[in-house]
Amino acid sequence: MIKAAFNDERWAEIRRKGKYRFIYDYGMLYFGLLTSVCSILVINLLDGVFLEKAVSDLLFVILFTTIGGVIWGIGMWRWMEYYYHRKG
């Protein structure tokens, strides 16, 4: 999967922006935000109570998915750097 999605020019552009920008953009925003929205929808659809519980769950879910996004971003940065240096 990484091989097919890996593009040297694109990764070089992302690398130029820096590690912390990558973690923020791809980890916290893309991964964290997407996971937050999906989690809130699934939790509340399964419970059958949407509006009342959504607000109380929102902060909890955002906190943990943001932390998860940071961890995911760090892991992906390391993996992509490893692959970039191995390939180059």
N, C-alpha and C. Protein backbone atom coordinates (compact mmCIF):
# COMPACT_ATOMS: atom_id res chain seq x y z
N MET A 1 0.82 -1.19 0.00
CA MET A 1 0.00 0.00 0.00
C MET A 1 0.86 1.25 0.00
N ILE A 2 1.86 1.30 0.86
CA ILE A 2 2.72 2.48 0.92
C ILE A 2 3.46 2.65 -0.40
N LYS A 3 3.93 1.54 -0.98
CA LYS A 3 4.67 1.63 -2.24
C LYS A 3 3.83 2.28 -3.32
N ALA A 4 2.59 1.87 -3.44
CA ALA A 4 1.72 2.41 -4.49
C ALA A 4 1.39 3.88 -4.24
N ALA A 5 1.24 4.26 -2.99
CA ALA A 5 0.86 5.62 -2.66
C ALA A 5 2.06 6.55 -2.53
N PHE A 6 3.26 6.01 -2.47
CA PHE A 6 4.44 6.82 -2.22
C PHE A 6 4.86 7.53 -3.50
N ASN A 7 5.09 8.81 -3.37
CA ASN A 7 5.52 9.63 -4.49
C ASN A 7 6.67 10.48 -3.98
N ASP A 8 7.86 10.30 -4.57
CA ASP A 8 9.05 11.01 -4.09
C ASP A 8 8.89 12.52 -4.09
N GLU A 9 8.32 13.05 -5.15
CA GLU A 9 8.16 14.51 -5.23
C GLU A 9 7.17 15.02 -4.18
N ARG A 10 6.11 14.30 -4.02
CA ARG A 10 5.09 14.72 -3.03
C ARG A 10 5.66 14.64 -1.62
N TRP A 11 6.38 13.56 -1.32
CA TRP A 11 6.96 13.43 0.01
C TRP A 11 8.02 14.50 0.24
N ALA A 12 8.79 14.83 -0.77
CA ALA A 12 9.79 15.89 -0.64
C ALA A 12 9.12 17.22 -0.30
N GLU A 13 8.00 17.49 -0.92
CA GLU A 13 7.23 18.71 -0.62
C GLU A 13 6.71 18.70 0.82
N ILE A 14 6.17 17.57 1.24
CA ILE A 14 5.66 17.44 2.61
C ILE A 14 6.81 17.56 3.61
N ARG A 15 7.95 16.96 3.31
CA ARG A 15 9.13 17.02 4.19
C ARG A 15 9.59 18.46 4.38
N ARG A 16 9.54 19.24 3.30
CA ARG A 16 9.97 20.64 3.37
C ARG A 16 9.16 21.43 4.39
N LYS A 17 7.89 21.08 4.52
CA LYS A 17 7.02 21.78 5.48
C LYS A 17 7.35 21.39 6.92
N GLY A 18 7.94 20.23 7.12
CA GLY A 18 8.38 19.83 8.44
C GLY A 18 7.54 18.77 9.12
N LYS A 19 8.18 18.16 10.11
CA LYS A 19 7.58 17.06 10.85
C LYS A 19 6.34 17.51 11.64
N TYR A 20 6.43 18.65 12.31
CA TYR A 20 5.31 19.08 13.15
C TYR A 20 4.11 19.50 12.32
N ARG A 21 4.36 20.07 11.17
CA ARG A 21 3.26 20.43 10.27
C ARG A 21 2.58 19.16 9.76
N PHE A 22 3.37 18.13 9.44
CA PHE A 22 2.82 16.85 8.99
C PHE A 22 1.95 16.24 10.08
N ILE A 23 2.45 16.23 11.31
CA ILE A 23 1.70 15.65 12.42
C ILE A 23 0.41 16.42 12.65
N TYR A 24 0.48 17.74 12.55
CA TYR A 24 -0.72 18.56 12.73
C TYR A 24 -1.71 18.32 11.59
N ASP A 25 -1.25 18.44 10.35
CA ASP A 25 -2.16 18.32 9.20
C ASP A 25 -2.72 16.92 9.04
N TYR A 26 -1.83 15.94 8.93
CA TYR A 26 -2.27 14.59 8.60
C TYR A 26 -2.68 13.78 9.83
N GLY A 27 -2.06 14.05 10.96
CA GLY A 27 -2.40 13.32 12.17
C GLY A 27 -3.61 13.90 12.88
N MET A 28 -3.45 15.15 13.34
CA MET A 28 -4.50 15.75 14.16
C MET A 28 -5.73 16.13 13.34
N LEU A 29 -5.53 16.77 12.19
CA LEU A 29 -6.68 17.22 11.42
C LEU A 29 -7.33 16.11 10.62
N TYR A 30 -6.57 15.49 9.72
CA TYR A 30 -7.17 14.48 8.85
C TYR A 30 -7.58 13.23 9.62
N PHE A 31 -6.62 12.61 10.30
CA PHE A 31 -6.92 11.38 11.03
C PHE A 31 -7.81 11.66 12.24
N GLY A 32 -7.43 12.62 13.05
CA GLY A 32 -8.16 12.91 14.28
C GLY A 32 -9.57 13.41 14.04
N LEU A 33 -9.72 14.36 13.13
CA LEU A 33 -11.04 14.92 12.86
C LEU A 33 -11.97 13.91 12.21
N LEU A 34 -11.44 13.18 11.24
CA LEU A 34 -12.26 12.16 10.58
C LEU A 34 -12.68 11.08 11.57
N THR A 35 -11.76 10.64 12.41
CA THR A 35 -12.07 9.64 13.41
C THR A 35 -13.09 10.17 14.42
N SER A 36 -12.96 11.44 14.81
CA SER A 36 -13.92 12.05 15.74
C SER A 36 -15.33 12.04 15.18
N VAL A 37 -15.47 12.50 13.96
CA VAL A 37 -16.79 12.57 13.35
C VAL A 37 -17.40 11.18 13.21
N CYS A 38 -16.61 10.24 12.72
CA CYS A 38 -17.12 8.87 12.56
C CYS A 38 -17.48 8.25 13.92
N SER A 39 -16.66 8.48 14.92
CA SER A 39 -16.93 7.93 16.26
C SER A 39 -18.21 8.50 16.85
N ILE A 40 -18.37 9.81 16.76
CA ILE A 40 -19.59 10.44 17.30
C ILE A 40 -20.82 9.89 16.59
N LEU A 41 -20.76 9.78 15.28
CA LEU A 41 -21.91 9.26 14.54
C LEU A 41 -22.23 7.83 14.93
N VAL A 42 -21.23 6.99 15.00
CA VAL A 42 -21.45 5.58 15.34
C VAL A 42 -21.95 5.44 16.76
N ILE A 43 -21.32 6.12 17.70
CA ILE A 43 -21.73 6.02 19.11
C ILE A 43 -23.18 6.44 19.28
N ASN A 44 -23.54 7.56 18.68
CA ASN A 44 -24.89 8.08 18.87
C ASN A 44 -25.94 7.35 18.05
N LEU A 45 -25.58 6.84 16.91
CA LEU A 45 -26.54 6.05 16.14
C LEU A 45 -26.82 4.72 16.82
N LEU A 46 -25.79 4.12 17.42
CA LEU A 46 -25.99 2.86 18.13
C LEU A 46 -26.80 3.06 19.41
N ASP A 47 -26.58 4.18 20.07
CA ASP A 47 -27.33 4.46 21.31
C ASP A 47 -28.76 4.90 21.03
N GLY A 48 -29.01 5.44 19.86
CA GLY A 48 -30.35 5.91 19.52
C GLY A 48 -30.66 7.30 20.06
N VAL A 49 -29.75 7.88 20.80
CA VAL A 49 -29.93 9.23 21.34
C VAL A 49 -28.87 10.10 20.69
N PHE A 50 -29.30 11.02 19.87
CA PHE A 50 -28.29 11.76 19.11
C PHE A 50 -27.93 13.09 19.73
N LEU A 51 -28.85 13.99 19.87
CA LEU A 51 -28.52 15.36 20.23
C LEU A 51 -28.05 15.53 21.67
N GLU A 52 -28.74 14.93 22.63
CA GLU A 52 -28.39 15.13 24.03
C GLU A 52 -27.00 14.57 24.36
N LYS A 53 -26.74 13.38 23.88
CA LYS A 53 -25.49 12.71 24.23
C LYS A 53 -24.32 13.17 23.36
N ALA A 54 -24.60 13.68 22.18
CA ALA A 54 -23.54 14.08 21.25
C ALA A 54 -22.65 15.15 21.84
N VAL A 55 -23.24 16.10 22.54
CA VAL A 55 -22.46 17.20 23.11
C VAL A 55 -21.54 16.70 24.21
N SER A 56 -22.02 15.84 25.06
CA SER A 56 -21.18 15.33 26.15
C SER A 56 -20.09 14.39 25.63
N ASP A 57 -20.40 13.63 24.59
CA ASP A 57 -19.40 12.72 24.02
C ASP A 57 -18.36 13.45 23.18
N LEU A 58 -18.74 14.59 22.64
CA LEU A 58 -17.90 15.29 21.70
C LEU A 58 -16.52 15.63 22.27
N LEU A 59 -16.47 16.23 23.45
CA LEU A 59 -15.18 16.61 24.04
C LEU A 59 -14.32 15.40 24.35
N PHE A 60 -14.93 14.36 24.88
CA PHE A 60 -14.21 13.13 25.18
C PHE A 60 -13.61 12.51 23.92
N VAL A 61 -14.41 12.41 22.88
CA VAL A 61 -13.95 11.80 21.63
C VAL A 61 -12.88 12.66 20.97
N ILE A 62 -13.08 13.97 20.94
CA ILE A 62 -12.09 14.85 20.31
C ILE A 62 -10.76 14.77 21.04
N LEU A 63 -10.78 14.73 22.36
CA LEU A 63 -9.54 14.63 23.13
C LEU A 63 -8.77 13.37 22.76
N PHE A 64 -9.43 12.23 22.77
CA PHE A 64 -8.74 10.97 22.51
C PHE A 64 -8.38 10.77 21.04
N THR A 65 -9.19 11.25 20.13
CA THR A 65 -8.83 11.11 18.73
C THR A 65 -7.71 12.08 18.34
N THR A 66 -7.61 13.20 19.01
CA THR A 66 -6.49 14.11 18.78
C THR A 66 -5.20 13.49 19.26
N ILE A 67 -5.22 12.88 20.43
CA ILE A 67 -4.05 12.18 20.94
C ILE A 67 -3.69 11.02 20.00
N GLY A 68 -4.69 10.28 19.57
CA GLY A 68 -4.47 9.20 18.62
C GLY A 68 -3.92 9.71 17.30
N GLY A 69 -4.39 10.88 16.86
CA GLY A 69 -3.89 11.49 15.63
C GLY A 69 -2.43 11.88 15.72
N VAL A 70 -2.02 12.38 16.88
CA VAL A 70 -0.62 12.72 17.08
C VAL A 70 0.24 11.46 17.02
N ILE A 71 -0.20 10.42 17.69
CA ILE A 71 0.54 9.14 17.67
C ILE A 71 0.60 8.59 16.25
N TRP A 72 -0.52 8.62 15.53
CA TRP A 72 -0.57 8.15 14.16
C TRP A 72 0.36 8.99 13.28
N GLY A 73 0.33 10.31 13.45
CA GLY A 73 1.17 11.20 12.66
C GLY A 73 2.65 10.95 12.88
N ILE A 74 3.05 10.73 14.12
CA ILE A 74 4.46 10.42 14.43
C ILE A 74 4.86 9.10 13.79
N GLY A 75 4.00 8.11 13.93
CA GLY A 75 4.30 6.80 13.34
C GLY A 75 4.39 6.86 11.83
N MET A 76 3.47 7.57 11.19
CA MET A 76 3.51 7.68 9.73
C MET A 76 4.71 8.49 9.27
N TRP A 77 5.07 9.53 9.98
CA TRP A 77 6.27 10.31 9.62
C TRP A 77 7.50 9.41 9.65
N ARG A 78 7.63 8.65 10.71
CA ARG A 78 8.79 7.75 10.83
C ARG A 78 8.80 6.71 9.72
N TRP A 79 7.63 6.14 9.43
CA TRP A 79 7.55 5.13 8.38
C TRP A 79 7.89 5.73 7.02
N MET A 80 7.35 6.88 6.71
CA MET A 80 7.60 7.51 5.42
C MET A 80 9.06 7.95 5.29
N GLU A 81 9.65 8.42 6.36
CA GLU A 81 11.07 8.78 6.35
C GLU A 81 11.93 7.54 6.13
N TYR A 82 11.60 6.48 6.81
CA TYR A 82 12.32 5.22 6.63
C TYR A 82 12.24 4.78 5.18
N TYR A 83 11.06 4.79 4.63
CA TYR A 83 10.85 4.36 3.25
C TYR A 83 11.56 5.30 2.28
N TYR A 84 11.51 6.59 2.52
CA TYR A 84 12.14 7.59 1.68
C TYR A 84 13.66 7.40 1.63
N HIS A 85 14.27 7.19 2.80
CA HIS A 85 15.72 7.02 2.86
C HIS A 85 16.15 5.65 2.32
N ARG A 86 15.33 4.64 2.55
CA ARG A 86 15.63 3.31 2.03
C ARG A 86 15.57 3.29 0.51
N LYS A 87 14.60 3.97 -0.01
CA LYS A 87 14.40 4.01 -1.45
C LYS A 87 15.46 4.87 -2.14
N GLY A 88 15.83 5.98 -1.50
CA GLY A 88 16.76 6.93 -2.11
C GLY A 88 18.15 6.54 -1.91
